[in-house]
């Protein structure tokens, strides 16, 4: 299947589900889903900045991962983010790296 067909016809990733009080189900409210997706992108970008990268939403269906030097690649869902990030920057990207956590705790993340 071509990459465009895969994006247009892809099933949603579990991370796209929206939490509701007392239940974790798919949110039928499109505005709420987009808001939560944007919030996840902001959170991920705090970590990715440490590695010189940024994630952006692409049509609510995929993500675009870009390095600060201009390389970019489409990421289907957040489950595929870290392998693509490592490929783009050429090093291990550990979201739980000690140096990263210290930087975030200090308010620089």
PDB file of N, CA and C in Angstrom:
ATOM      1  N   UNK A   1       0.853  -1.171   0.000  1.00  0.00           N
ATOM      2  CA  UNK A   1       0.000   0.000   0.000  1.00  0.00           C
ATOM      3  C   UNK A   1       0.897   1.231   0.000  1.00  0.00           C
ATOM      4  N   UNK A   2       0.516   2.248  -0.771  1.00  0.00           N
ATOM      5  CA  UNK A   2       1.316   3.475  -0.795  1.00  0.00           C
ATOM      6  C   UNK A   2       1.147   4.217   0.536  1.00  0.00           C
ATOM      7  N   UNK A   3       2.086   5.092   0.818  1.00  0.00           N
ATOM      8  CA  UNK A   3       2.038   5.777   2.116  1.00  0.00           C
ATOM      9  C   UNK A   3       0.815   6.674   2.243  1.00  0.00           C
ATOM     10  N   UNK A   4       0.368   7.293   1.154  1.00  0.00           N
ATOM     11  CA  UNK A   4      -0.811   8.151   1.245  1.00  0.00           C
ATOM     12  C   UNK A   4      -2.053   7.326   1.570  1.00  0.00           C
ATOM     13  N   UNK A   5      -2.221   6.176   0.927  1.00  0.00           N
ATOM     14  CA  UNK A   5      -3.371   5.318   1.234  1.00  0.00           C
ATOM     15  C   UNK A   5      -3.314   4.828   2.677  1.00  0.00           C
ATOM     16  N   UNK A   6      -2.122   4.544   3.128  1.00  0.00           N
ATOM     17  CA  UNK A   6      -1.967   4.112   4.511  1.00  0.00           C
ATOM     18  C   UNK A   6      -2.371   5.183   5.497  1.00  0.00           C
ATOM     19  N   UNK A   7      -2.072   6.426   5.170  1.00  0.00           N
ATOM     20  CA  UNK A   7      -2.436   7.540   6.051  1.00  0.00           C
ATOM     21  C   UNK A   7      -3.935   7.764   6.023  1.00  0.00           C
ATOM     22  N   UNK A   8      -4.504   7.754   4.838  1.00  0.00           N
ATOM     23  CA  UNK A   8      -5.935   8.031   4.723  1.00  0.00           C
ATOM     24  C   UNK A   8      -6.792   6.910   5.283  1.00  0.00           C
ATOM     25  N   UNK A   9      -6.322   5.674   5.183  1.00  0.00           N
ATOM     26  CA  UNK A   9      -7.145   4.558   5.615  1.00  0.00           C
ATOM     27  C   UNK A   9      -6.691   3.909   6.901  1.00  0.00           C
ATOM     28  N   UNK A  10      -5.734   4.510   7.570  1.00  0.00           N
ATOM     29  CA  UNK A  10      -5.151   3.888   8.758  1.00  0.00           C
ATOM     30  C   UNK A  10      -6.151   3.839   9.913  1.00  0.00           C
ATOM     31  N   UNK A  11      -6.044   2.786  10.705  1.00  0.00           N
ATOM     32  CA  UNK A  11      -6.822   2.703  11.941  1.00  0.00           C
ATOM     33  C   UNK A  11      -6.215   3.627  12.972  1.00  0.00           C
ATOM     34  N   UNK A  12      -7.028   4.064  13.883  1.00  0.00           N
ATOM     35  CA  UNK A  12      -6.532   4.968  14.912  1.00  0.00           C
ATOM     36  C   UNK A  12      -5.684   4.211  15.935  1.00  0.00           C
ATOM     37  N   UNK A  13      -4.694   4.888  16.437  1.00  0.00           N
ATOM     38  CA  UNK A  13      -3.823   4.327  17.466  1.00  0.00           C
ATOM     39  C   UNK A  13      -4.503   4.477  18.821  1.00  0.00           C
ATOM     40  N   UNK A  14      -4.204   3.597  19.757  1.00  0.00           N
ATOM     41  CA  UNK A  14      -4.850   3.663  21.074  1.00  0.00           C
ATOM     42  C   UNK A  14      -4.578   4.994  21.765  1.00  0.00           C
ATOM     43  N   UNK A  15      -3.445   5.641  21.456  1.00  0.00           N
ATOM     44  CA  UNK A  15      -3.126   6.917  22.096  1.00  0.00           C
ATOM     45  C   UNK A  15      -4.064   8.034  21.650  1.00  0.00           C
ATOM     46  N   UNK A  16      -4.800   7.815  20.568  1.00  0.00           N
ATOM     47  CA  UNK A  16      -5.748   8.824  20.105  1.00  0.00           C
ATOM     48  C   UNK A  16      -7.071   8.770  20.849  1.00  0.00           C
ATOM     49  N   UNK A  17      -7.247   7.775  21.687  1.00  0.00           N
ATOM     50  CA  UNK A  17      -8.472   7.706  22.482  1.00  0.00           C
ATOM     51  C   UNK A  17      -8.459   8.835  23.501  1.00  0.00           C
ATOM     52  N   UNK A  18      -9.607   9.342  23.816  1.00  0.00           N
ATOM     53  CA  UNK A  18      -9.720  10.446  24.768  1.00  0.00           C
ATOM     54  C   UNK A  18     -10.293   9.938  26.082  1.00  0.00           C
ATOM     55  N   UNK A  19      -9.694  10.363  27.169  1.00  0.00           N
ATOM     56  CA  UNK A  19     -10.166   9.936  28.485  1.00  0.00           C
ATOM     57  C   UNK A  19     -11.451  10.671  28.853  1.00  0.00           C
ATOM     58  N   UNK A  20     -12.369   9.960  29.439  1.00  0.00           N
ATOM     59  CA  UNK A  20     -13.571  10.556  30.023  1.00  0.00           C
ATOM     60  C   UNK A  20     -13.607  10.148  31.481  1.00  0.00           C
ATOM     61  N   UNK A  21     -14.234  10.944  32.265  1.00  0.00           N
ATOM     62  CA  UNK A  21     -14.264  10.681  33.697  1.00  0.00           C
ATOM     63  C   UNK A  21     -14.789   9.275  33.967  1.00  0.00           C
ATOM     64  N   UNK A  22     -13.972   8.459  34.600  1.00  0.00           N
ATOM     65  CA  UNK A  22     -14.358   7.108  34.979  1.00  0.00           C
ATOM     66  C   UNK A  22     -14.232   6.067  33.887  1.00  0.00           C
ATOM     67  N   UNK A  23     -13.994   6.484  32.640  1.00  0.00           N
ATOM     68  CA  UNK A  23     -13.939   5.530  31.524  1.00  0.00           C
ATOM     69  C   UNK A  23     -12.862   5.984  30.546  1.00  0.00           C
ATOM     70  N   UNK A  24     -12.194   5.036  29.932  1.00  0.00           N
ATOM     71  CA  UNK A  24     -11.231   5.350  28.884  1.00  0.00           C
ATOM     72  C   UNK A  24     -11.783   4.792  27.582  1.00  0.00           C
ATOM     73  N   UNK A  25     -12.379   5.654  26.777  1.00  0.00           N
ATOM     74  CA  UNK A  25     -12.993   5.237  25.524  1.00  0.00           C
ATOM     75  C   UNK A  25     -12.653   6.233  24.439  1.00  0.00           C
ATOM     76  N   UNK A  26     -13.004   5.904  23.226  1.00  0.00           N
ATOM     77  CA  UNK A  26     -12.837   6.842  22.121  1.00  0.00           C
ATOM     78  C   UNK A  26     -13.810   7.996  22.316  1.00  0.00           C
ATOM     79  N   UNK A  27     -13.314   9.185  22.193  1.00  0.00           N
ATOM     80  CA  UNK A  27     -14.131  10.380  22.352  1.00  0.00           C
ATOM     81  C   UNK A  27     -14.824  10.669  21.027  1.00  0.00           C
ATOM     82  N   UNK A  28     -16.131  10.764  21.041  1.00  0.00           N
ATOM     83  CA  UNK A  28     -16.892  11.042  19.831  1.00  0.00           C
ATOM     84  C   UNK A  28     -16.888  12.523  19.477  1.00  0.00           C
ATOM     85  N   UNK A  29     -16.450  13.363  20.394  1.00  0.00           N
ATOM     86  CA  UNK A  29     -16.426  14.803  20.170  1.00  0.00           C
ATOM     87  C   UNK A  29     -15.167  15.185  19.389  1.00  0.00           C
ATOM     88  N   UNK A  30     -15.294  15.594  18.103  1.00  0.00           N
ATOM     89  CA  UNK A  30     -14.111  15.902  17.307  1.00  0.00           C
ATOM     90  C   UNK A  30     -13.284  17.058  17.862  1.00  0.00           C
ATOM     91  N   UNK A  31     -13.925  18.040  18.454  1.00  0.00           N
ATOM     92  CA  UNK A  31     -13.185  19.170  19.014  1.00  0.00           C
ATOM     93  C   UNK A  31     -12.360  18.719  20.211  1.00  0.00           C
ATOM     94  N   UNK A  32     -12.942  17.896  21.062  1.00  0.00           N
ATOM     95  CA  UNK A  32     -12.211  17.368  22.209  1.00  0.00           C
ATOM     96  C   UNK A  32     -11.047  16.494  21.787  1.00  0.00           C
ATOM     97  N   UNK A  33     -11.250  15.692  20.765  1.00  0.00           N
ATOM     98  CA  UNK A  33     -10.174  14.822  20.277  1.00  0.00           C
ATOM     99  C   UNK A  33      -9.029  15.652  19.721  1.00  0.00           C
ATOM    100  N   UNK A  34      -9.342  16.703  18.942  1.00  0.00           N
ATOM    101  CA  UNK A  34      -8.291  17.553  18.383  1.00  0.00           C
ATOM    102  C   UNK A  34      -7.544  18.297  19.495  1.00  0.00           C
ATOM    103  N   UNK A  35      -8.273  18.743  20.522  1.00  0.00           N
ATOM    104  CA  UNK A  35      -7.649  19.440  21.642  1.00  0.00           C
ATOM    105  C   UNK A  35      -6.680  18.508  22.364  1.00  0.00           C
ATOM    106  N   UNK A  36      -7.100  17.269  22.613  1.00  0.00           N
ATOM    107  CA  UNK A  36      -6.223  16.324  23.300  1.00  0.00           C
ATOM    108  C   UNK A  36      -5.029  15.945  22.438  1.00  0.00           C
ATOM    109  N   UNK A  37      -5.236  15.827  21.136  1.00  0.00           N
ATOM    110  CA  UNK A  37      -4.132  15.530  20.223  1.00  0.00           C
ATOM    111  C   UNK A  37      -3.111  16.668  20.246  1.00  0.00           C
ATOM    112  N   UNK A  38      -3.588  17.906  20.209  1.00  0.00           N
ATOM    113  CA  UNK A  38      -2.694  19.068  20.268  1.00  0.00           C
ATOM    114  C   UNK A  38      -1.932  19.105  21.592  1.00  0.00           C
ATOM    115  N   UNK A  39      -2.606  18.725  22.667  1.00  0.00           N
ATOM    116  CA  UNK A  39      -1.951  18.682  23.980  1.00  0.00           C
ATOM    117  C   UNK A  39      -0.843  17.626  23.986  1.00  0.00           C
ATOM    118  N   UNK A  40      -1.098  16.456  23.405  1.00  0.00           N
ATOM    119  CA  UNK A  40      -0.065  15.416  23.339  1.00  0.00           C
ATOM    120  C   UNK A  40       1.131  15.902  22.521  1.00  0.00           C
ATOM    121  N   UNK A  41       0.881  16.617  21.427  1.00  0.00           N
ATOM    122  CA  UNK A  41       1.973  17.143  20.609  1.00  0.00           C
ATOM    123  C   UNK A  41       2.810  18.126  21.431  1.00  0.00           C
ATOM    124  N   UNK A  42       2.170  19.001  22.191  1.00  0.00           N
ATOM    125  CA  UNK A  42       2.923  19.950  23.033  1.00  0.00           C
ATOM    126  C   UNK A  42       3.795  19.207  24.051  1.00  0.00           C
ATOM    127  N   UNK A  43       3.235  18.184  24.682  1.00  0.00           N
ATOM    128  CA  UNK A  43       4.009  17.426  25.673  1.00  0.00           C
ATOM    129  C   UNK A  43       5.206  16.727  25.034  1.00  0.00           C
ATOM    130  N   UNK A  44       4.978  16.089  23.906  1.00  0.00           N
ATOM    131  CA  UNK A  44       6.056  15.387  23.214  1.00  0.00           C
ATOM    132  C   UNK A  44       7.136  16.370  22.771  1.00  0.00           C
ATOM    133  N   UNK A  45       6.743  17.567  22.358  1.00  0.00           N
ATOM    134  CA  UNK A  45       7.721  18.553  21.900  1.00  0.00           C
ATOM    135  C   UNK A  45       8.655  19.018  23.014  1.00  0.00           C
ATOM    136  N   UNK A  46       8.214  18.962  24.257  1.00  0.00           N
ATOM    137  CA  UNK A  46       9.110  19.285  25.377  1.00  0.00           C
ATOM    138  C   UNK A  46      10.266  18.291  25.422  1.00  0.00           C
ATOM    139  N   UNK A  47       9.974  17.038  25.149  1.00  0.00           N
ATOM    140  CA  UNK A  47      11.019  16.006  25.145  1.00  0.00           C
ATOM    141  C   UNK A  47      11.846  16.100  23.872  1.00  0.00           C
ATOM    142  N   UNK A  48      11.189  16.232  22.726  1.00  0.00           N
ATOM    143  CA  UNK A  48      11.907  16.243  21.449  1.00  0.00           C
ATOM    144  C   UNK A  48      12.862  17.423  21.309  1.00  0.00           C
ATOM    145  N   UNK A  49      12.559  18.547  21.943  1.00  0.00           N
ATOM    146  CA  UNK A  49      13.449  19.712  21.862  1.00  0.00           C
ATOM    147  C   UNK A  49      14.835  19.365  22.378  1.00  0.00           C
ATOM    148  N   UNK A  50      14.912  18.500  23.359  1.00  0.00           N
ATOM    149  CA  UNK A  50      16.185  18.060  23.921  1.00  0.00           C
ATOM    150  C   UNK A  50      17.039  17.377  22.852  1.00  0.00           C
ATOM    151  N   UNK A  51      16.384  16.734  21.900  1.00  0.00           N
ATOM    152  CA  UNK A  51      17.076  16.013  20.829  1.00  0.00           C
ATOM    153  C   UNK A  51      17.121  16.805  19.519  1.00  0.00           C
ATOM    154  N   UNK A  52      16.706  18.068  19.561  1.00  0.00           N
ATOM    155  CA  UNK A  52      16.775  18.908  18.383  1.00  0.00           C
ATOM    156  C   UNK A  52      15.708  18.610  17.351  1.00  0.00           C
ATOM    157  N   UNK A  53      14.506  18.240  17.830  1.00  0.00           N
ATOM    158  CA  UNK A  53      13.422  17.895  16.915  1.00  0.00           C
ATOM    159  C   UNK A  53      12.109  18.509  17.373  1.00  0.00           C
ATOM    160  N   UNK A  54      11.149  18.492  16.451  1.00  0.00           N
ATOM    161  CA  UNK A  54       9.817  19.006  16.746  1.00  0.00           C
ATOM    162  C   UNK A  54       8.788  18.158  16.012  1.00  0.00           C
ATOM    163  N   UNK A  55       7.653  17.938  16.666  1.00  0.00           N
ATOM    164  CA  UNK A  55       6.549  17.178  16.094  1.00  0.00           C
ATOM    165  C   UNK A  55       5.394  18.118  15.810  1.00  0.00           C
ATOM    166  N   UNK A  56       4.742  17.926  14.673  1.00  0.00           N
ATOM    167  CA  UNK A  56       3.539  18.697  14.375  1.00  0.00           C
ATOM    168  C   UNK A  56       2.455  17.759  13.877  1.00  0.00           C
ATOM    169  N   UNK A  57       1.227  18.163  14.105  1.00  0.00           N
ATOM    170  CA  UNK A  57       0.070  17.386  13.656  1.00  0.00           C
ATOM    171  C   UNK A  57      -0.062  17.541  12.147  1.00  0.00           C
ATOM    172  N   UNK A  58      -0.397  16.454  11.477  1.00  0.00           N
ATOM    173  CA  UNK A  58      -0.604  16.500  10.037  1.00  0.00           C
ATOM    174  C   UNK A  58      -2.007  16.023   9.725  1.00  0.00           C
ATOM    175  N   UNK A  59      -2.921  16.961   9.574  1.00  0.00           N
ATOM    176  CA  UNK A  59      -4.297  16.697   9.191  1.00  0.00           C
ATOM    177  C   UNK A  59      -5.060  15.814  10.182  1.00  0.00           C
ATOM    178  N   UNK A  60      -4.618  15.759  11.424  1.00  0.00           N
ATOM    179  CA  UNK A  60      -5.298  14.946  12.422  1.00  0.00           C
ATOM    180  C   UNK A  60      -5.191  13.456  12.170  1.00  0.00           C
ATOM    181  N   UNK A  61      -4.367  13.070  11.189  1.00  0.00           N
ATOM    182  CA  UNK A  61      -4.253  11.659  10.824  1.00  0.00           C
ATOM    183  C   UNK A  61      -2.870  11.091  11.111  1.00  0.00           C
ATOM    184  N   UNK A  62      -1.847  11.914  11.021  1.00  0.00           N
ATOM    185  CA  UNK A  62      -0.466  11.503  11.236  1.00  0.00           C
ATOM    186  C   UNK A  62       0.273  12.667  11.878  1.00  0.00           C
ATOM    187  N   UNK A  63       1.578  12.509  11.969  1.00  0.00           N
ATOM    188  CA  UNK A  63       2.417  13.560  12.528  1.00  0.00           C
ATOM    189  C   UNK A  63       3.595  13.790  11.595  1.00  0.00           C
ATOM    190  N   UNK A  64       4.149  14.981  11.640  1.00  0.00           N
ATOM    191  CA  UNK A  64       5.366  15.287  10.907  1.00  0.00           C
ATOM    192  C   UNK A  64       6.460  15.558  11.926  1.00  0.00           C
ATOM    193  N   UNK A  65       7.503  14.750  11.889  1.00  0.00           N
ATOM    194  CA  UNK A  65       8.639  14.907  12.788  1.00  0.00           C
ATOM    195  C   UNK A  65       9.747  15.592  12.010  1.00  0.00           C
ATOM    196  N   UNK A  66      10.268  16.689  12.540  1.00  0.00           N
ATOM    197  CA  UNK A  66      11.307  17.460  11.864  1.00  0.00           C
ATOM    198  C   UNK A  66      12.459  17.714  12.812  1.00  0.00           C
ATOM    199  N   UNK A  67      13.657  17.704  12.250  1.00  0.00           N
ATOM    200  CA  UNK A  67      14.829  18.092  13.032  1.00  0.00           C
ATOM    201  C   UNK A  67      15.012  19.591  12.881  1.00  0.00           C
ATOM    202  N   UNK A  68      15.798  20.175  13.758  1.00  0.00           N
ATOM    203  CA  UNK A  68      16.054  21.606  13.680  1.00  0.00           C
ATOM    204  C   UNK A  68      16.946  21.935  12.480  1.00  0.00           C
ATOM    205  N   UNK A  69      17.538  20.905  11.838  1.00  0.00           N
ATOM    206  CA  UNK A  69      18.374  21.127  10.656  1.00  0.00           C
ATOM    207  C   UNK A  69      17.603  20.905   9.358  1.00  0.00           C
ATOM    208  N   UNK A  70      16.314  20.549   9.445  1.00  0.00           N
ATOM    209  CA  UNK A  70      15.484  20.472   8.251  1.00  0.00           C
ATOM    210  C   UNK A  70      15.082  19.096   7.771  1.00  0.00           C
ATOM    211  N   UNK A  71      15.612  18.032   8.345  1.00  0.00           N
ATOM    212  CA  UNK A  71      15.161  16.693   7.962  1.00  0.00           C
ATOM    213  C   UNK A  71      13.749  16.495   8.498  1.00  0.00           C
ATOM    214  N   UNK A  72      12.931  15.743   7.773  1.00  0.00           N
ATOM    215  CA  UNK A  72      11.586  15.472   8.278  1.00  0.00           C
ATOM    216  C   UNK A  72      11.085  14.136   7.761  1.00  0.00           C
ATOM    217  N   UNK A  73      10.138  13.592   8.501  1.00  0.00           N
ATOM    218  CA  UNK A  73       9.528  12.320   8.126  1.00  0.00           C
ATOM    219  C   UNK A  73       8.141  12.246   8.751  1.00  0.00           C
ATOM    220  N   UNK A  74       7.218  11.627   8.016  1.00  0.00           N
ATOM    221  CA  UNK A  74       5.869  11.422   8.535  1.00  0.00           C
ATOM    222  C   UNK A  74       5.886  10.249   9.503  1.00  0.00           C
ATOM    223  N   UNK A  75       5.215  10.423  10.635  1.00  0.00           N
ATOM    224  CA  UNK A  75       5.085   9.387  11.656  1.00  0.00           C
ATOM    225  C   UNK A  75       3.608   9.041  11.749  1.00  0.00           C
ATOM    226  N   UNK A  76       3.291   7.770  11.589  1.00  0.00           N
ATOM    227  CA  UNK A  76       1.895   7.336  11.557  1.00  0.00           C
ATOM    228  C   UNK A  76       1.166   7.632  12.863  1.00  0.00           C
ATOM    229  N   UNK A  77       1.807   7.296  13.975  1.00  0.00           N
ATOM    230  CA  UNK A  77       1.196   7.525  15.282  1.00  0.00           C
ATOM    231  C   UNK A  77       2.300   7.607  16.323  1.00  0.00           C
ATOM    232  N   UNK A  78       1.933   7.921  17.552  1.00  0.00           N
ATOM    233  CA  UNK A  78       2.947   8.101  18.594  1.00  0.00           C
ATOM    234  C   UNK A  78       3.694   6.812  18.922  1.00  0.00           C
ATOM    235  N   UNK A  79       3.102   5.680  18.603  1.00  0.00           N
ATOM    236  CA  UNK A  79       3.781   4.401  18.817  1.00  0.00           C
ATOM    237  C   UNK A  79       4.999   4.219  17.926  1.00  0.00           C
ATOM    238  N   UNK A  80       5.056   4.958  16.827  1.00  0.00           N
ATOM    239  CA  UNK A  80       6.181   4.870  15.899  1.00  0.00           C
ATOM    240  C   UNK A  80       7.162   6.032  16.028  1.00  0.00           C
ATOM    241  N   UNK A  81       6.936   6.898  16.981  1.00  0.00           N
ATOM    242  CA  UNK A  81       7.725   8.123  17.100  1.00  0.00           C
ATOM    243  C   UNK A  81       9.200   7.880  17.382  1.00  0.00           C
ATOM    244  N   UNK A  82       9.531   7.099  18.401  1.00  0.00           N
ATOM    245  CA  UNK A  82      10.922   7.020  18.847  1.00  0.00           C
ATOM    246  C   UNK A  82      11.848   6.356  17.844  1.00  0.00           C
ATOM    247  N   UNK A  83      11.455   5.281  17.163  1.00  0.00           N
ATOM    248  CA  UNK A  83      12.359   4.736  16.139  1.00  0.00           C
ATOM    249  C   UNK A  83      12.633   5.741  15.010  1.00  0.00           C
ATOM    250  N   UNK A  84      11.618   6.490  14.606  1.00  0.00           N
ATOM    251  CA  UNK A  84      11.803   7.496  13.555  1.00  0.00           C
ATOM    252  C   UNK A  84      12.690   8.627  14.067  1.00  0.00           C
ATOM    253  N   UNK A  85      12.491   9.045  15.310  1.00  0.00           N
ATOM    254  CA  UNK A  85      13.319  10.100  15.901  1.00  0.00           C
ATOM    255  C   UNK A  85      14.787   9.685  15.925  1.00  0.00           C
ATOM    256  N   UNK A  86      15.050   8.458  16.316  1.00  0.00           N
ATOM    257  CA  UNK A  86      16.431   7.974  16.364  1.00  0.00           C
ATOM    258  C   UNK A  86      17.038   7.914  14.967  1.00  0.00           C
ATOM    259  N   UNK A  87      16.242   7.524  13.995  1.00  0.00           N
ATOM    260  CA  UNK A  87      16.712   7.476  12.614  1.00  0.00           C
ATOM    261  C   UNK A  87      17.075   8.879  12.116  1.00  0.00           C
ATOM    262  N   UNK A  88      16.224   9.863  12.402  1.00  0.00           N
ATOM    263  CA  UNK A  88      16.461  11.223  11.922  1.00  0.00           C
ATOM    264  C   UNK A  88      17.665  11.892  12.577  1.00  0.00           C
ATOM    265  N   UNK A  89      17.829  11.696  13.876  1.00  0.00           N
ATOM    266  CA  UNK A  89      18.929  12.405  14.548  1.00  0.00           C
ATOM    267  C   UNK A  89      20.200  11.561  14.643  1.00  0.00           C
ATOM    268  N   UNK A  90      20.101  10.263  14.343  1.00  0.00           N
ATOM    269  CA  UNK A  90      21.297   9.431  14.314  1.00  0.00           C
ATOM    270  C   UNK A  90      21.839   9.033  15.668  1.00  0.00           C
ATOM    271  N   UNK A  91      21.013   9.094  16.697  1.00  0.00           N
ATOM    272  CA  UNK A  91      21.452   8.657  18.026  1.00  0.00           C
ATOM    273  C   UNK A  91      20.257   8.132  18.814  1.00  0.00           C
ATOM    274  N   UNK A  92      20.530   7.533  19.935  1.00  0.00           N
ATOM    275  CA  UNK A  92      19.474   7.000  20.793  1.00  0.00           C
ATOM    276  C   UNK A  92      18.680   8.156  21.394  1.00  0.00           C
ATOM    277  N   UNK A  93      17.362   8.053  21.336  1.00  0.00           N
ATOM    278  CA  UNK A  93      16.474   9.054  21.933  1.00  0.00           C
ATOM    279  C   UNK A  93      15.685   8.388  23.046  1.00  0.00           C
ATOM    280  N   UNK A  94      16.120   8.609  24.249  1.00  0.00           N
ATOM    281  CA  UNK A  94      15.479   8.001  25.404  1.00  0.00           C
ATOM    282  C   UNK A  94      14.654   9.058  26.131  1.00  0.00           C
ATOM    283  N   UNK A  95      13.308   8.949  26.096  1.00  0.00           N
ATOM    284  CA  UNK A  95      12.486   9.957  26.776  1.00  0.00           C
ATOM    285  C   UNK A  95      12.634   9.934  28.295  1.00  0.00           C
ATOM    286  N   UNK A  96      13.338   8.925  28.812  1.00  0.00           N
ATOM    287  CA  UNK A  96      13.571   8.850  30.249  1.00  0.00           C
ATOM    288  C   UNK A  96      15.044   9.039  30.599  1.00  0.00           C
ATOM    289  N   UNK A  97      15.816   9.606  29.680  1.00  0.00           N
ATOM    290  CA  UNK A  97      17.243   9.843  29.926  1.00  0.00           C
ATOM    291  C   UNK A  97      17.419  10.761  31.136  1.00  0.00           C
ATOM    292  N   UNK A  98      18.390  10.438  31.952  1.00  0.00           N
ATOM    293  CA  UNK A  98      18.645  11.187  33.191  1.00  0.00           C
ATOM    294  C   UNK A  98      18.858  12.682  32.905  1.00  0.00           C
ATOM    295  N   UNK A  99      19.669  12.993  31.895  1.00  0.00           N
ATOM    296  CA  UNK A  99      19.958  14.394  31.574  1.00  0.00           C
ATOM    297  C   UNK A  99      18.691  15.137  31.145  1.00  0.00           C
ATOM    298  N   UNK A 100      17.852  14.464  30.381  1.00  0.00           N
ATOM    299  CA  UNK A 100      16.596  15.072  29.924  1.00  0.00           C
ATOM    300  C   UNK A 100      15.666  15.344  31.099  1.00  0.00           C
ATOM    301  N   UNK A 101      15.517  14.370  31.983  1.00  0.00           N
ATOM    302  CA  UNK A 101      14.635  14.544  33.135  1.00  0.00           C
ATOM    303  C   UNK A 101      15.124  15.658  34.049  1.00  0.00           C
ATOM    304  N   UNK A 102      16.432  15.752  34.227  1.00  0.00           N
ATOM    305  CA  UNK A 102      16.985  16.836  35.046  1.00  0.00           C
ATOM    306  C   UNK A 102      16.686  18.190  34.415  1.00  0.00           C
ATOM    307  N   UNK A 103      16.851  18.275  33.111  1.00  0.00           N
ATOM    308  CA  UNK A 103      16.567  19.531  32.405  1.00  0.00           C
ATOM    309  C   UNK A 103      15.096  19.913  32.525  1.00  0.00           C
ATOM    310  N   UNK A 104      14.220  18.940  32.396  1.00  0.00           N
ATOM    311  CA  UNK A 104      12.782  19.217  32.494  1.00  0.00           C
ATOM    312  C   UNK A 104      12.415  19.609  33.923  1.00  0.00           C
ATOM    313  N   UNK A 105      13.022  18.959  34.910  1.00  0.00           N
ATOM    314  CA  UNK A 105      12.759  19.315  36.306  1.00  0.00           C
ATOM    315  C   UNK A 105      13.208  20.731  36.613  1.00  0.00           C
ATOM    316  N   UNK A 106      14.267  21.164  35.936  1.00  0.00           N
ATOM    317  CA  UNK A 106      14.789  22.504  36.150  1.00  0.00           C
ATOM    318  C   UNK A 106      13.980  23.557  35.399  1.00  0.00           C
ATOM    319  N   UNK A 107      12.991  23.112  34.613  1.00  0.00           N
ATOM    320  CA  UNK A 107      12.134  24.048  33.896  1.00  0.00           C
ATOM    321  C   UNK A 107      12.662  24.461  32.540  1.00  0.00           C
ATOM    322  N   UNK A 108      13.627  23.723  31.996  1.00  0.00           N
ATOM    323  CA  UNK A 108      14.198  24.077  30.703  1.00  0.00           C
ATOM    324  C   UNK A 108      13.634  23.210  29.583  1.00  0.00           C
ATOM    325  N   UNK A 109      12.718  22.298  29.893  1.00  0.00           N
ATOM    326  CA  UNK A 109      12.268  21.339  28.898  1.00  0.00           C
ATOM    327  C   UNK A 109      11.077  21.792  28.185  1.00  0.00           C
TER     328      UNK A 109
END
